[in-house]
Amino acid sequence: MRKIIFTLVMALLITPVTVNISDASLVSDRSYRAEQRRENKQNIKQIKDLFKVHEKFANAHDIKMLEVLYADNYKNNDGFDKKTYFKSIETTWESSKDISYTTKIQSVEIDGDNASVNVIETASGTIVDEMIEHVPISGEIHSVSSGIYYLTKINGKWYISGEVSLSDESSLLYGDARFMNIELQAPNQVSSGETYSVLLKVDADKETMIVGSIDHDPVTYPAKTPKSPLRALSTSQTLERYIKANTDNLNEYAVASMAISKVKKLAPDNVRVYMSGIACVMKRVNVVPKNNFIKLED
């Protein structure tokens, strides 16, 4: 009987202590979660501010200030380090003095001092080039891309440490090409050495004649210009080619070039053919390297 009473007394003595520890734990958990939310909210704000400044410096073509936002060990999925990446940006700005950018953040994920930011980016500008007989001609540049920026927090400040480009469609249009619907179809991803189809479709009237070529251009610096023979587009204004992806572990672009001519009837038995436009359209194709260390056993 005494043993039972002693057990009951001990239970009564222990119970309040247990409840207090549990309550303290709940309070501690709530406090921790609240602190985590505050910290996460602050980090997201800092990251969004970083991309606002990034867009500002990019549109100002301020290469020095833009470099400050990138970590020294920056690397993208084309294998470009920080130095090579900014060399490619300088080349673009030299070609197009007024190119402008917009960045739309889709999502932000934070893991300690690391973060990933999904974005959609657009760019547009003009370019002046010399074609036939050194006559200057103006063209338009347009680009839409999606990708992931990787960020690292160093001494309380976020820096861009890497980038993966998921998709990218770009066009350079001269003359009548600026007002035509041009579509280039190619897969976003292929395996190393895989053969894939690239289809060019153009919406043009019957008085328009188009010759074009399709090729692929591995991502290197300096960039190489692919050269393929021009072929007339079919009556359906399409051109297709099967391409074998490179085996050098490089991402590449499917590239279509076009020369657009118009036929103008001057008299019943006299017509005039003249070049009315030029276009170059590109679409990114990410190439997955071959993994020689996968072994499947029955």
C-alpha atoms as a PDB file:
ATOM      1  CA  MET A   1       0.000   0.000   0.000  1.00  0.00           C
ATOM      2  CA  ARG A   2       2.817   2.366   0.926  1.00  0.00           C
ATOM      3  CA  LYS A   3       4.510   1.488  -2.347  1.00  0.00           C
ATOM      4  CA  ILE A   4       1.399   2.458  -4.311  1.00  0.00           C
ATOM      5  CA  ILE A   5       1.025   5.730  -2.388  1.00  0.00           C
ATOM      6  CA  PHE A   6       4.740   6.471  -2.884  1.00  0.00           C
ATOM      7  CA  THR A   7       4.373   5.836  -6.617  1.00  0.00           C
ATOM      8  CA  LEU A   8       1.347   8.157  -6.805  1.00  0.00           C
ATOM      9  CA  VAL A   9       3.195  10.884  -4.878  1.00  0.00           C
ATOM     10  CA  MET A  10       6.231  10.570  -7.148  1.00  0.00           C
ATOM     11  CA  ALA A  11       3.971  10.761 -10.191  1.00  0.00           C
ATOM     12  CA  LEU A  12       2.392  13.933  -8.862  1.00  0.00           C
ATOM     13  CA  LEU A  13       5.834  15.414  -8.194  1.00  0.00           C
ATOM     14  CA  ILE A  14       7.229  14.467 -11.607  1.00  0.00           C
ATOM     15  CA  THR A  15       4.195  15.427 -13.712  1.00  0.00           C
ATOM     16  CA  PRO A  16       4.444  19.238 -13.309  1.00  0.00           C
ATOM     17  CA  VAL A  17       8.124  19.107 -14.191  1.00  0.00           C
ATOM     18  CA  THR A  18       7.405  17.053 -17.316  1.00  0.00           C
ATOM     19  CA  VAL A  19       4.701  19.472 -18.444  1.00  0.00           C
ATOM     20  CA  ASN A  20       7.002  22.435 -17.936  1.00  0.00           C
ATOM     21  CA  ILE A  21       9.770  20.821 -20.006  1.00  0.00           C
ATOM     22  CA  SER A  22       7.277  20.046 -22.772  1.00  0.00           C
ATOM     23  CA  ASP A  23       5.943  23.593 -22.726  1.00  0.00           C
ATOM     24  CA  ALA A  24       9.471  24.969 -22.795  1.00  0.00           C
ATOM     25  CA  SER A  25      10.256  22.727 -25.749  1.00  0.00           C
ATOM     26  CA  LEU A  26       7.175  23.940 -27.627  1.00  0.00           C
ATOM     27  CA  VAL A  27       8.049  27.556 -26.910  1.00  0.00           C
ATOM     28  CA  SER A  28      11.629  26.920 -28.017  1.00  0.00           C
ATOM     29  CA  ASP A  29      10.453  25.240 -31.236  1.00  0.00           C
ATOM     30  CA  ARG A  30       8.081  28.074 -32.020  1.00  0.00           C
ATOM     31  CA  SER A  31      10.778  30.622 -31.319  1.00  0.00           C
ATOM     32  CA  TYR A  32      13.250  28.732 -33.517  1.00  0.00           C
ATOM     33  CA  ARG A  33      10.782  28.424 -36.377  1.00  0.00           C
ATOM     34  CA  ALA A  34       9.872  32.102 -36.113  1.00  0.00           C
ATOM     35  CA  GLU A  35      13.553  33.027 -36.223  1.00  0.00           C
ATOM     36  CA  GLN A  36      14.069  30.770 -39.235  1.00  0.00           C
ATOM     37  CA  ARG A  37      11.156  32.433 -41.021  1.00  0.00           C
ATOM     38  CA  ARG A  38      12.544  35.888 -40.269  1.00  0.00           C
ATOM     39  CA  GLU A  39      15.988  34.888 -41.490  1.00  0.00           C
ATOM     40  CA  ASN A  40      14.572  33.217 -44.616  1.00  0.00           C
ATOM     41  CA  LYS A  41      12.459  36.298 -45.375  1.00  0.00           C
ATOM     42  CA  GLN A  42      15.489  38.533 -44.971  1.00  0.00           C
ATOM     43  CA  ASN A  43      17.592  36.310 -47.256  1.00  0.00           C
ATOM     44  CA  ILE A  44      14.904  36.297 -49.951  1.00  0.00           C
ATOM     45  CA  LYS A  45      14.753  40.102 -49.800  1.00  0.00           C
ATOM     46  CA  GLN A  46      18.551  40.336 -50.123  1.00  0.00           C
ATOM     47  CA  ILE A  47      18.515  37.972 -53.108  1.00  0.00           C
ATOM     48  CA  LYS A  48      15.735  39.880 -54.863  1.00  0.00           C
ATOM     49  CA  ASP A  49      17.606  43.122 -54.241  1.00  0.00           C
ATOM     50  CA  LEU A  50      20.720  41.510 -55.721  1.00  0.00           C
ATOM     51  CA  PHE A  51      18.875  40.730 -58.956  1.00  0.00           C
ATOM     52  CA  LYS A  52      17.437  44.254 -59.126  1.00  0.00           C
ATOM     53  CA  VAL A  53      20.964  45.645 -58.927  1.00  0.00           C
ATOM     54  CA  HIS A  54      22.120  42.982 -61.408  1.00  0.00           C
ATOM     55  CA  GLU A  55      19.509  44.117 -63.936  1.00  0.00           C
ATOM     56  CA  LYS A  56      20.420  47.768 -63.334  1.00  0.00           C
ATOM     57  CA  PHE A  57      24.140  47.234 -64.013  1.00  0.00           C
ATOM     58  CA  ALA A  58      23.429  44.981 -67.015  1.00  0.00           C
ATOM     59  CA  ASN A  59      21.197  47.603 -68.648  1.00  0.00           C
ATOM     60  CA  ALA A  60      23.807  50.279 -67.928  1.00  0.00           C
ATOM     61  CA  HIS A  61      26.436  48.022 -69.539  1.00  0.00           C
ATOM     62  CA  ASP A  62      28.563  48.561 -66.404  1.00  0.00           C
ATOM     63  CA  ILE A  63      30.876  45.566 -66.604  1.00  0.00           C
ATOM     64  CA  LYS A  64      32.930  46.498 -63.541  1.00  0.00           C
ATOM     65  CA  MET A  65      29.986  46.799 -61.172  1.00  0.00           C
ATOM     66  CA  LEU A  66      28.381  43.678 -62.621  1.00  0.00           C
ATOM     67  CA  GLU A  67      31.525  41.650 -61.914  1.00  0.00           C
ATOM     68  CA  VAL A  68      31.310  42.588 -58.224  1.00  0.00           C
ATOM     69  CA  LEU A  69      28.066  40.585 -57.921  1.00  0.00           C
ATOM     70  CA  TYR A  70      29.785  37.342 -58.990  1.00  0.00           C
ATOM     71  CA  ALA A  71      31.929  35.046 -56.866  1.00  0.00           C
ATOM     72  CA  ASP A  72      35.504  34.495 -58.034  1.00  0.00           C
ATOM     73  CA  ASN A  73      34.842  30.757 -58.465  1.00  0.00           C
ATOM     74  CA  TYR A  74      31.817  31.339 -60.724  1.00  0.00           C
ATOM     75  CA  LYS A  75      31.153  28.598 -63.287  1.00  0.00           C
ATOM     76  CA  ASN A  76      28.207  27.982 -65.602  1.00  0.00           C
ATOM     77  CA  ASN A  77      26.990  24.795 -67.283  1.00  0.00           C
ATOM     78  CA  ASP A  78      28.844  25.689 -70.483  1.00  0.00           C
ATOM     79  CA  GLY A  79      32.119  25.486 -68.555  1.00  0.00           C
ATOM     80  CA  PHE A  80      32.725  29.248 -68.645  1.00  0.00           C
ATOM     81  CA  ASP A  81      34.550  30.651 -65.633  1.00  0.00           C
ATOM     82  CA  LYS A  82      34.095  34.245 -64.481  1.00  0.00           C
ATOM     83  CA  LYS A  83      36.746  35.679 -66.824  1.00  0.00           C
ATOM     84  CA  THR A  84      35.458  33.907 -69.940  1.00  0.00           C
ATOM     85  CA  TYR A  85      31.830  34.660 -69.093  1.00  0.00           C
ATOM     86  CA  PHE A  86      32.448  38.393 -68.840  1.00  0.00           C
ATOM     87  CA  LYS A  87      34.524  38.367 -72.019  1.00  0.00           C
ATOM     88  CA  SER A  88      31.470  36.958 -73.822  1.00  0.00           C
ATOM     89  CA  ILE A  89      29.294  39.701 -72.294  1.00  0.00           C
ATOM     90  CA  GLU A  90      31.713  42.388 -73.508  1.00  0.00           C
ATOM     91  CA  THR A  91      31.587  40.919 -77.018  1.00  0.00           C
ATOM     92  CA  THR A  92      27.780  41.087 -76.968  1.00  0.00           C
ATOM     93  CA  TRP A  93      27.776  44.706 -75.791  1.00  0.00           C
ATOM     94  CA  GLU A  94      30.275  45.685 -78.484  1.00  0.00           C
ATOM     95  CA  SER A  95      27.920  44.261 -81.134  1.00  0.00           C
ATOM     96  CA  SER A  96      24.748  45.771 -79.675  1.00  0.00           C
ATOM     97  CA  LYS A  97      25.167  49.124 -77.947  1.00  0.00           C
ATOM     98  CA  ASP A  98      21.558  49.335 -76.771  1.00  0.00           C
ATOM     99  CA  ILE A  99      20.751  45.767 -75.744  1.00  0.00           C
ATOM    100  CA  SER A 100      18.558  45.709 -72.632  1.00  0.00           C
ATOM    101  CA  TYR A 101      17.560  42.962 -70.209  1.00  0.00           C
ATOM    102  CA  THR A 102      14.678  42.005 -67.937  1.00  0.00           C
ATOM    103  CA  THR A 103      14.770  39.271 -65.297  1.00  0.00           C
ATOM    104  CA  LYS A 104      11.689  37.694 -63.751  1.00  0.00           C
ATOM    105  CA  ILE A 105      12.256  35.554 -60.664  1.00  0.00           C
ATOM    106  CA  GLN A 106      10.106  32.421 -60.630  1.00  0.00           C
ATOM    107  CA  SER A 107      11.197  30.924 -57.307  1.00  0.00           C
ATOM    108  CA  VAL A 108      13.888  31.121 -54.630  1.00  0.00           C
ATOM    109  CA  GLU A 109      15.137  28.182 -52.578  1.00  0.00           C
ATOM    110  CA  ILE A 110      17.547  28.675 -49.694  1.00  0.00           C
ATOM    111  CA  ASP A 111      19.677  26.025 -47.973  1.00  0.00           C
ATOM    112  CA  GLY A 112      21.891  27.622 -45.350  1.00  0.00           C
ATOM    113  CA  ASP A 113      24.498  29.737 -47.105  1.00  0.00           C
ATOM    114  CA  ASN A 114      23.486  28.442 -50.522  1.00  0.00           C
ATOM    115  CA  ALA A 115      20.525  29.339 -52.710  1.00  0.00           C
ATOM    116  CA  SER A 116      19.073  28.607 -56.139  1.00  0.00           C
ATOM    117  CA  VAL A 117      16.987  31.107 -58.087  1.00  0.00           C
ATOM    118  CA  ASN A 118      14.810  30.097 -61.044  1.00  0.00           C
ATOM    119  CA  VAL A 119      14.476  32.932 -63.565  1.00  0.00           C
ATOM    120  CA  ILE A 120      13.119  33.823 -66.988  1.00  0.00           C
ATOM    121  CA  GLU A 121      15.249  36.389 -68.804  1.00  0.00           C
ATOM    122  CA  THR A 122      14.568  38.400 -71.931  1.00  0.00           C
ATOM    123  CA  ALA A 123      16.897  40.588 -73.965  1.00  0.00           C
ATOM    124  CA  SER A 124      16.384  42.847 -76.958  1.00  0.00           C
ATOM    125  CA  GLY A 125      18.453  45.333 -78.877  1.00  0.00           C
ATOM    126  CA  THR A 126      19.644  46.483 -82.280  1.00  0.00           C
ATOM    127  CA  ILE A 127      22.762  45.836 -84.308  1.00  0.00           C
ATOM    128  CA  VAL A 128      24.191  47.683 -87.307  1.00  0.00           C
ATOM    129  CA  ASP A 129      26.197  45.679 -89.811  1.00  0.00           C
ATOM    130  CA  GLU A 130      27.560  46.114 -93.311  1.00  0.00           C
ATOM    131  CA  MET A 131      26.209  43.768 -95.944  1.00  0.00           C
ATOM    132  CA  ILE A 132      26.471  44.248 -99.697  1.00  0.00           C
ATOM    133  CA  GLU A 133      28.704  47.093-101.010  1.00  0.00           C
ATOM    134  CA  HIS A 134      29.394  48.314 -97.457  1.00  0.00           C
ATOM    135  CA  VAL A 135      25.830  49.516 -97.041  1.00  0.00           C
ATOM    136  CA  PRO A 136      24.896  49.671 -93.321  1.00  0.00           C
ATOM    137  CA  ILE A 137      21.808  47.736 -92.354  1.00  0.00           C
ATOM    138  CA  SER A 138      20.067  47.585 -88.986  1.00  0.00           C
ATOM    139  CA  GLY A 139      18.937  44.379 -87.360  1.00  0.00           C
ATOM    140  CA  GLU A 140      17.117  43.369 -84.211  1.00  0.00           C
ATOM    141  CA  ILE A 141      18.279  40.973 -81.496  1.00  0.00           C
ATOM    142  CA  HIS A 142      15.737  39.097 -79.387  1.00  0.00           C
ATOM    143  CA  SER A 143      16.299  36.422 -76.751  1.00  0.00           C
ATOM    144  CA  VAL A 144      14.194  34.521 -74.222  1.00  0.00           C
ATOM    145  CA  SER A 145      15.841  32.112 -71.791  1.00  0.00           C
ATOM    146  CA  SER A 146      15.126  30.222 -68.601  1.00  0.00           C
ATOM    147  CA  GLY A 147      17.640  29.015 -66.087  1.00  0.00           C
ATOM    148  CA  ILE A 148      18.846  28.645 -62.528  1.00  0.00           C
ATOM    149  CA  TYR A 149      21.292  30.940 -60.770  1.00  0.00           C
ATOM    150  CA  TYR A 150      23.252  29.443 -57.873  1.00  0.00           C
ATOM    151  CA  LEU A 151      24.177  31.798 -55.049  1.00  0.00           C
ATOM    152  CA  THR A 152      26.620  31.580 -52.154  1.00  0.00           C
ATOM    153  CA  LYS A 153      26.580  33.700 -49.014  1.00  0.00           C
ATOM    154  CA  ILE A 154      30.027  35.023 -48.113  1.00  0.00           C
ATOM    155  CA  ASN A 155      30.528  37.193 -45.013  1.00  0.00           C
ATOM    156  CA  GLY A 156      26.792  37.893 -44.870  1.00  0.00           C
ATOM    157  CA  LYS A 157      26.493  38.896 -48.538  1.00  0.00           C
ATOM    158  CA  TRP A 158      25.073  36.916 -51.465  1.00  0.00           C
ATOM    159  CA  TYR A 159      27.110  36.346 -54.634  1.00  0.00           C
ATOM    160  CA  ILE A 160      26.319  34.539 -57.894  1.00  0.00           C
ATOM    161  CA  SER A 161      28.500  31.427 -57.940  1.00  0.00           C
ATOM    162  CA  GLY A 162      27.030  29.445 -60.827  1.00  0.00           C
ATOM    163  CA  GLU A 163      24.397  29.257 -63.517  1.00  0.00           C
ATOM    164  CA  VAL A 164      22.556  26.560 -65.447  1.00  0.00           C
ATOM    165  CA  SER A 165      20.844  27.585 -68.673  1.00  0.00           C
ATOM    166  CA  LEU A 166      17.819  25.351 -69.234  1.00  0.00           C
ATOM    167  CA  SER A 167      16.527  26.904 -72.448  1.00  0.00           C
ATOM    168  CA  ASP A 168      17.474  29.735 -74.743  1.00  0.00           C
ATOM    169  CA  GLU A 169      15.949  30.935 -78.003  1.00  0.00           C
ATOM    170  CA  SER A 170      17.617  33.841 -79.790  1.00  0.00           C
ATOM    171  CA  SER A 171      17.150  35.572 -83.118  1.00  0.00           C
ATOM    172  CA  LEU A 172      18.946  38.166 -85.219  1.00  0.00           C
ATOM    173  CA  LEU A 173      16.599  39.668 -87.799  1.00  0.00           C
ATOM    174  CA  TYR A 174      17.203  42.077 -90.689  1.00  0.00           C
ATOM    175  CA  GLY A 175      14.721  43.685 -93.071  1.00  0.00           C
ATOM    176  CA  ASP A 176      11.457  41.841 -93.709  1.00  0.00           C
ATOM    177  CA  ALA A 177      12.550  39.047 -91.360  1.00  0.00           C
ATOM    178  CA  ARG A 178      11.599  41.338 -88.469  1.00  0.00           C
ATOM    179  CA  PHE A 179       7.924  41.007 -89.411  1.00  0.00           C
ATOM    180  CA  MET A 180       7.789  37.267 -90.149  1.00  0.00           C
ATOM    181  CA  ASN A 181       6.853  34.370 -87.894  1.00  0.00           C
ATOM    182  CA  ILE A 182       9.943  32.169 -87.706  1.00  0.00           C
ATOM    183  CA  GLU A 183      10.003  29.028 -85.573  1.00  0.00           C
ATOM    184  CA  LEU A 184      12.937  26.725 -84.894  1.00  0.00           C
ATOM    185  CA  GLN A 185      12.101  23.358 -83.345  1.00  0.00           C
ATOM    186  CA  ALA A 186      14.802  21.347 -81.579  1.00  0.00           C
ATOM    187  CA  PRO A 187      14.983  19.272 -78.371  1.00  0.00           C
ATOM    188  CA  ASN A 188      16.118  21.006 -75.191  1.00  0.00           C
ATOM    189  CA  GLN A 189      18.337  18.080 -74.251  1.00  0.00           C
ATOM    190  CA  VAL A 190      20.061  15.218 -76.084  1.00  0.00           C
ATOM    191  CA  SER A 191      22.706  12.628 -75.282  1.00  0.00           C
ATOM    192  CA  SER A 192      26.293  12.943 -76.448  1.00  0.00           C
ATOM    193  CA  GLY A 193      26.512  11.774 -80.059  1.00  0.00           C
ATOM    194  CA  GLU A 194      22.737  11.410 -80.389  1.00  0.00           C
ATOM    195  CA  THR A 195      21.071  12.248 -83.703  1.00  0.00           C
ATOM    196  CA  TYR A 196      18.209  14.709 -83.408  1.00  0.00           C
ATOM    197  CA  SER A 197      15.897  16.599 -85.736  1.00  0.00           C
ATOM    198  CA  VAL A 198      15.897  20.366 -86.230  1.00  0.00           C
ATOM    199  CA  LEU A 199      12.912  21.867 -88.066  1.00  0.00           C
ATOM    200  CA  LEU A 200      12.638  25.407 -89.381  1.00  0.00           C
ATOM    201  CA  LYS A 201       9.169  26.812 -90.116  1.00  0.00           C
ATOM    202  CA  VAL A 202       8.505  30.198 -91.697  1.00  0.00           C
ATOM    203  CA  ASP A 203       5.185  31.952 -92.254  1.00  0.00           C
ATOM    204  CA  ALA A 204       5.646  33.747 -95.586  1.00  0.00           C
ATOM    205  CA  ASP A 205       3.499  34.679 -98.593  1.00  0.00           C
ATOM    206  CA  LYS A 206       3.770  33.230-102.098  1.00  0.00           C
ATOM    207  CA  GLU A 207       5.845  36.160-103.371  1.00  0.00           C
ATOM    208  CA  THR A 208       8.598  35.333-100.899  1.00  0.00           C
ATOM    209  CA  MET A 209      11.470  33.005-101.706  1.00  0.00           C
ATOM    210  CA  ILE A 210      13.655  31.719 -98.877  1.00  0.00           C
ATOM    211  CA  VAL A 211      16.914  29.810 -98.921  1.00  0.00           C
ATOM    212  CA  GLY A 212      18.362  28.618 -95.668  1.00  0.00           C
ATOM    213  CA  SER A 213      20.650  26.264 -93.824  1.00  0.00           C
ATOM    214  CA  ILE A 214      20.564  24.382 -90.529  1.00  0.00           C
ATOM    215  CA  ASP A 215      23.616  23.490 -88.503  1.00  0.00           C
ATOM    216  CA  HIS A 216      24.772  23.122 -84.910  1.00  0.00           C
ATOM    217  CA  ASP A 217      27.296  25.221 -83.023  1.00  0.00           C
ATOM    218  CA  PRO A 218      28.978  23.852 -79.855  1.00  0.00           C
ATOM    219  CA  VAL A 219      29.308  26.489 -77.123  1.00  0.00           C
ATOM    220  CA  THR A 220      32.918  27.717 -77.157  1.00  0.00           C
ATOM    221  CA  TYR A 221      34.731  31.013 -76.773  1.00  0.00           C
ATOM    222  CA  PRO A 222      35.421  32.635 -79.126  1.00  0.00           C
ATOM    223  CA  ALA A 223      32.309  31.363 -80.872  1.00  0.00           C
ATOM    224  CA  LYS A 224      32.664  29.658 -84.239  1.00  0.00           C
ATOM    225  CA  THR A 225      30.318  30.422 -87.110  1.00  0.00           C
ATOM    226  CA  PRO A 226      28.875  27.254 -88.672  1.00  0.00           C
ATOM    227  CA  LYS A 227      28.849  27.217 -92.466  1.00  0.00           C
ATOM    228  CA  SER A 228      26.407  25.004 -94.329  1.00  0.00           C
ATOM    229  CA  PRO A 229      25.176  25.172 -97.921  1.00  0.00           C
ATOM    230  CA  LEU A 230      21.915  27.056 -98.448  1.00  0.00           C
ATOM    231  CA  ARG A 231      18.863  25.156 -99.633  1.00  0.00           C
ATOM    232  CA  ALA A 232      15.513  26.420-100.826  1.00  0.00           C
ATOM    233  CA  LEU A 233      12.669  25.934 -98.384  1.00  0.00           C
ATOM    234  CA  SER A 234       9.881  23.656 -99.539  1.00  0.00           C
ATOM    235  CA  THR A 235       6.497  24.924-100.688  1.00  0.00           C
ATOM    236  CA  SER A 236       5.321  24.568 -97.096  1.00  0.00           C
ATOM    237  CA  GLN A 237       8.122  27.000 -96.105  1.00  0.00           C
ATOM    238  CA  THR A 238       9.881  24.425 -93.939  1.00  0.00           C
ATOM    239  CA  LEU A 239      13.404  23.054 -93.767  1.00  0.00           C
ATOM    240  CA  GLU A 240      14.518  20.047 -91.728  1.00  0.00           C
ATOM    241  CA  ARG A 241      17.866  18.498 -90.973  1.00  0.00           C
ATOM    242  CA  TYR A 242      19.059  15.634 -88.794  1.00  0.00           C
ATOM    243  CA  ILE A 243      22.088  16.560 -86.716  1.00  0.00           C
ATOM    244  CA  LYS A 244      24.466  14.434 -84.665  1.00  0.00           C
ATOM    245  CA  ALA A 245      25.257  16.046 -81.328  1.00  0.00           C
ATOM    246  CA  ASN A 246      28.902  16.650 -80.516  1.00  0.00           C
ATOM    247  CA  THR A 247      30.839  14.148 -78.393  1.00  0.00           C
ATOM    248  CA  ASP A 248      33.107  16.738 -76.734  1.00  0.00           C
ATOM    249  CA  ASN A 249      30.936  17.197 -73.621  1.00  0.00           C
ATOM    250  CA  LEU A 250      29.820  20.623 -74.870  1.00  0.00           C
ATOM    251  CA  ASN A 251      26.352  22.113 -74.977  1.00  0.00           C
ATOM    252  CA  GLU A 252      25.400  23.408 -78.404  1.00  0.00           C
ATOM    253  CA  TYR A 253      22.992  25.566 -80.373  1.00  0.00           C
ATOM    254  CA  ALA A 254      20.833  24.502 -83.280  1.00  0.00           C
ATOM    255  CA  VAL A 255      21.301  27.345 -85.765  1.00  0.00           C
ATOM    256  CA  ALA A 256      19.223  28.269 -88.807  1.00  0.00           C
ATOM    257  CA  SER A 257      20.298  30.971 -91.265  1.00  0.00           C
ATOM    258  CA  MET A 258      18.041  32.408 -93.964  1.00  0.00           C
ATOM    259  CA  ALA A 259      18.182  34.769 -96.910  1.00  0.00           C
ATOM    260  CA  ILE A 260      14.780  36.168 -97.854  1.00  0.00           C
ATOM    261  CA  SER A 261      13.967  37.419-101.371  1.00  0.00           C
ATOM    262  CA  LYS A 262      10.878  39.045-102.809  1.00  0.00           C
ATOM    263  CA  VAL A 263       9.485  38.786-106.317  1.00  0.00           C
ATOM    264  CA  LYS A 264       7.980  41.994-107.677  1.00  0.00           C
ATOM    265  CA  LYS A 265       6.047  41.933-110.965  1.00  0.00           C
ATOM    266  CA  LEU A 266       6.905  44.967-113.059  1.00  0.00           C
ATOM    267  CA  ALA A 267       5.153  43.917-116.278  1.00  0.00           C
ATOM    268  CA  PRO A 268       3.427  40.812-117.660  1.00  0.00           C
ATOM    269  CA  ASP A 269       6.782  39.466-118.826  1.00  0.00           C
ATOM    270  CA  ASN A 270       9.108  41.252-116.427  1.00  0.00           C
ATOM    271  CA  VAL A 271       9.749  40.544-112.767  1.00  0.00           C
ATOM    272  CA  ARG A 272      12.286  41.851-110.291  1.00  0.00           C
ATOM    273  CA  VAL A 273      13.845  39.697-107.588  1.00  0.00           C
ATOM    274  CA  TYR A 274      15.515  41.476-104.676  1.00  0.00           C
ATOM    275  CA  MET A 275      16.799  40.514-101.228  1.00  0.00           C
ATOM    276  CA  SER A 276      14.427  41.781 -98.565  1.00  0.00           C
ATOM    277  CA  GLY A 277      15.752  40.253 -95.368  1.00  0.00           C
ATOM    278  CA  ILE A 278      18.207  38.074 -93.500  1.00  0.00           C
ATOM    279  CA  ALA A 279      17.645  36.039 -90.348  1.00  0.00           C
ATOM    280  CA  CYS A 280      19.593  33.870 -87.953  1.00  0.00           C
ATOM    281  CA  VAL A 281      17.717  31.960 -85.239  1.00  0.00           C
ATOM    282  CA  MET A 282      19.221  29.753 -82.551  1.00  0.00           C
ATOM    283  CA  LYS A 283      17.951  27.347 -79.928  1.00  0.00           C
ATOM    284  CA  ARG A 284      19.975  25.866 -77.080  1.00  0.00           C
ATOM    285  CA  VAL A 285      20.407  22.107 -76.979  1.00  0.00           C
ATOM    286  CA  ASN A 286      21.985  20.859 -73.741  1.00  0.00           C
ATOM    287  CA  VAL A 287      24.158  17.804 -74.354  1.00  0.00           C
ATOM    288  CA  VAL A 288      24.388  15.146 -71.625  1.00  0.00           C
ATOM    289  CA  PRO A 289      27.870  13.576 -71.552  1.00  0.00           C
ATOM    290  CA  LYS A 290      28.175   9.828 -71.810  1.00  0.00           C
ATOM    291  CA  ASN A 291      28.642   8.129 -68.425  1.00  0.00           C
ATOM    292  CA  ASN A 292      31.049   5.236 -68.818  1.00  0.00           C
ATOM    293  CA  PHE A 293      30.675   4.121 -65.211  1.00  0.00           C
ATOM    294  CA  ILE A 294      27.117   2.808 -65.345  1.00  0.00           C
ATOM    295  CA  LYS A 295      26.917  -0.981 -65.268  1.00  0.00           C
ATOM    296  CA  LEU A 296      23.659  -2.877 -65.316  1.00  0.00           C
ATOM    297  CA  GLU A 297      23.703  -6.549 -64.428  1.00  0.00           C
ATOM    298  CA  ASP A 298      20.924  -9.084 -65.066  1.00  0.00           C
END
